[in-house]
Amino acid sequence: MRTTVVLKDDLVKKAKKLSPDTTMSGLLNHCLAEWIARHSRRELKSRLVAEYRSARQESRHVSRDFAHVDKEGWPLW
């Protein structure tokens, strides 16, 4: 897909100095891919944290419900 992008001159000069072998198109594609990956990882991490917290609460409820069964058959020292 072709897209017109307006960049600041000083940014383009610095980018060309840092990676002279890469075309501006290649550099922008790389940067955009990295940005998407970073945000995807953040979203995944936040979803995993929410799921782990939910599972932790559920685990506590189950442990409480079966606490009396855990002690069955054990000697009363």
C-alpha atoms as a PDB file:
ATOM      1  CA  MET A   1       0.000   0.000   0.000  1.00  0.00           C
ATOM      2  CA  ARG A   2       1.281   3.447  -0.790  1.00  0.00           C
ATOM      3  CA  THR A   3       0.871   6.156   1.803  1.00  0.00           C
ATOM      4  CA  THR A   4       2.151   9.685   1.898  1.00  0.00           C
ATOM      5  CA  VAL A   5       3.874  10.560   5.146  1.00  0.00           C
ATOM      6  CA  VAL A   6       5.268  13.937   6.117  1.00  0.00           C
ATOM      7  CA  LEU A   7       8.356  13.651   8.324  1.00  0.00           C
ATOM      8  CA  LYS A   8      10.486  16.289   9.963  1.00  0.00           C
ATOM      9  CA  ASP A   9      13.734  16.906   8.070  1.00  0.00           C
ATOM     10  CA  ASP A  10      15.943  16.476  11.128  1.00  0.00           C
ATOM     11  CA  LEU A  11      14.346  13.093  11.902  1.00  0.00           C
ATOM     12  CA  VAL A  12      14.975  11.875   8.372  1.00  0.00           C
ATOM     13  CA  LYS A  13      18.616  13.019   8.487  1.00  0.00           C
ATOM     14  CA  LYS A  14      19.199  11.276  11.832  1.00  0.00           C
ATOM     15  CA  ALA A  15      17.496   8.116  10.616  1.00  0.00           C
ATOM     16  CA  LYS A  16      19.640   8.014   7.459  1.00  0.00           C
ATOM     17  CA  LYS A  17      22.809   8.454   9.534  1.00  0.00           C
ATOM     18  CA  LEU A  18      21.829   5.604  11.851  1.00  0.00           C
ATOM     19  CA  SER A  19      20.844   3.177   9.093  1.00  0.00           C
ATOM     20  CA  PRO A  20      22.206   4.304   5.713  1.00  0.00           C
ATOM     21  CA  ASP A  21      21.552   0.914   4.042  1.00  0.00           C
ATOM     22  CA  THR A  22      17.827   0.926   4.791  1.00  0.00           C
ATOM     23  CA  THR A  23      15.345   2.785   2.632  1.00  0.00           C
ATOM     24  CA  MET A  24      12.965   5.139   4.367  1.00  0.00           C
ATOM     25  CA  SER A  25      10.128   2.821   3.408  1.00  0.00           C
ATOM     26  CA  GLY A  26      11.935  -0.158   4.942  1.00  0.00           C
ATOM     27  CA  LEU A  27      12.716   1.790   8.087  1.00  0.00           C
ATOM     28  CA  LEU A  28       9.116   2.950   8.492  1.00  0.00           C
ATOM     29  CA  ASN A  29       7.828  -0.591   7.911  1.00  0.00           C
ATOM     30  CA  HIS A  30      10.235  -1.921  10.542  1.00  0.00           C
ATOM     31  CA  CYS A  31       9.277   0.772  13.058  1.00  0.00           C
ATOM     32  CA  LEU A  32       5.562   0.252  12.511  1.00  0.00           C
ATOM     33  CA  ALA A  33       5.925  -3.526  12.887  1.00  0.00           C
ATOM     34  CA  GLU A  34       7.863  -3.038  16.145  1.00  0.00           C
ATOM     35  CA  TRP A  35       5.229  -0.623  17.447  1.00  0.00           C
ATOM     36  CA  ILE A  36       2.406  -3.060  16.673  1.00  0.00           C
ATOM     37  CA  ALA A  37       4.282  -5.955  18.290  1.00  0.00           C
ATOM     38  CA  ARG A  38       4.986  -3.912  21.436  1.00  0.00           C
ATOM     39  CA  HIS A  39       1.335  -2.927  21.800  1.00  0.00           C
ATOM     40  CA  SER A  40       0.189  -6.477  21.099  1.00  0.00           C
ATOM     41  CA  ARG A  41       2.496  -7.754  23.866  1.00  0.00           C
ATOM     42  CA  ARG A  42       1.138  -5.139  26.276  1.00  0.00           C
ATOM     43  CA  GLU A  43      -2.432  -6.125  25.474  1.00  0.00           C
ATOM     44  CA  LEU A  44      -1.603  -9.811  25.879  1.00  0.00           C
ATOM     45  CA  LYS A  45       0.194  -9.173  29.173  1.00  0.00           C
ATOM     46  CA  SER A  46      -2.716  -7.172  30.597  1.00  0.00           C
ATOM     47  CA  ARG A  47      -5.168  -9.898  29.541  1.00  0.00           C
ATOM     48  CA  LEU A  48      -2.982 -12.585  31.126  1.00  0.00           C
ATOM     49  CA  VAL A  49      -2.695 -10.616  34.370  1.00  0.00           C
ATOM     50  CA  ALA A  50      -6.479 -10.239  34.501  1.00  0.00           C
ATOM     51  CA  GLU A  51      -6.983 -13.956  33.852  1.00  0.00           C
ATOM     52  CA  TYR A  52      -4.421 -14.974  36.479  1.00  0.00           C
ATOM     53  CA  ARG A  53      -6.074 -12.705  39.045  1.00  0.00           C
ATOM     54  CA  SER A  54      -9.453 -14.162  38.211  1.00  0.00           C
ATOM     55  CA  ALA A  55      -8.088 -17.713  38.471  1.00  0.00           C
ATOM     56  CA  ARG A  56      -6.420 -16.887  41.794  1.00  0.00           C
ATOM     57  CA  GLN A  57      -9.728 -15.735  43.254  1.00  0.00           C
ATOM     58  CA  GLU A  58     -11.486 -18.828  41.936  1.00  0.00           C
ATOM     59  CA  SER A  59      -8.754 -21.038  43.388  1.00  0.00           C
ATOM     60  CA  ARG A  60      -9.197 -19.444  46.805  1.00  0.00           C
ATOM     61  CA  HIS A  61     -12.945 -20.081  46.687  1.00  0.00           C
ATOM     62  CA  VAL A  62     -12.415 -23.729  45.767  1.00  0.00           C
ATOM     63  CA  SER A  63      -9.785 -24.136  48.503  1.00  0.00           C
ATOM     64  CA  ARG A  64     -12.161 -22.718  51.092  1.00  0.00           C
ATOM     65  CA  ASP A  65     -14.996 -24.950  49.911  1.00  0.00           C
ATOM     66  CA  PHE A  66     -12.878 -28.095  50.228  1.00  0.00           C
ATOM     67  CA  ALA A  67     -10.791 -27.161  53.301  1.00  0.00           C
ATOM     68  CA  HIS A  68     -12.677 -29.635  55.483  1.00  0.00           C
ATOM     69  CA  VAL A  69     -12.025 -32.464  53.013  1.00  0.00           C
ATOM     70  CA  ASP A  70      -8.290 -31.758  52.970  1.00  0.00           C
ATOM     71  CA  LYS A  71      -8.052 -32.734  56.636  1.00  0.00           C
ATOM     72  CA  GLU A  72     -10.095 -35.949  56.422  1.00  0.00           C
ATOM     73  CA  GLY A  73      -8.189 -39.061  57.322  1.00  0.00           C
ATOM     74  CA  TRP A  74      -5.239 -37.231  58.853  1.00  0.00           C
ATOM     75  CA  PRO A  75      -4.293 -38.062  62.425  1.00  0.00           C
ATOM     76  CA  LEU A  76      -5.245 -35.470  65.051  1.00  0.00           C
ATOM     77  CA  TRP A  77      -1.872 -35.013  66.762  1.00  0.00           C
END
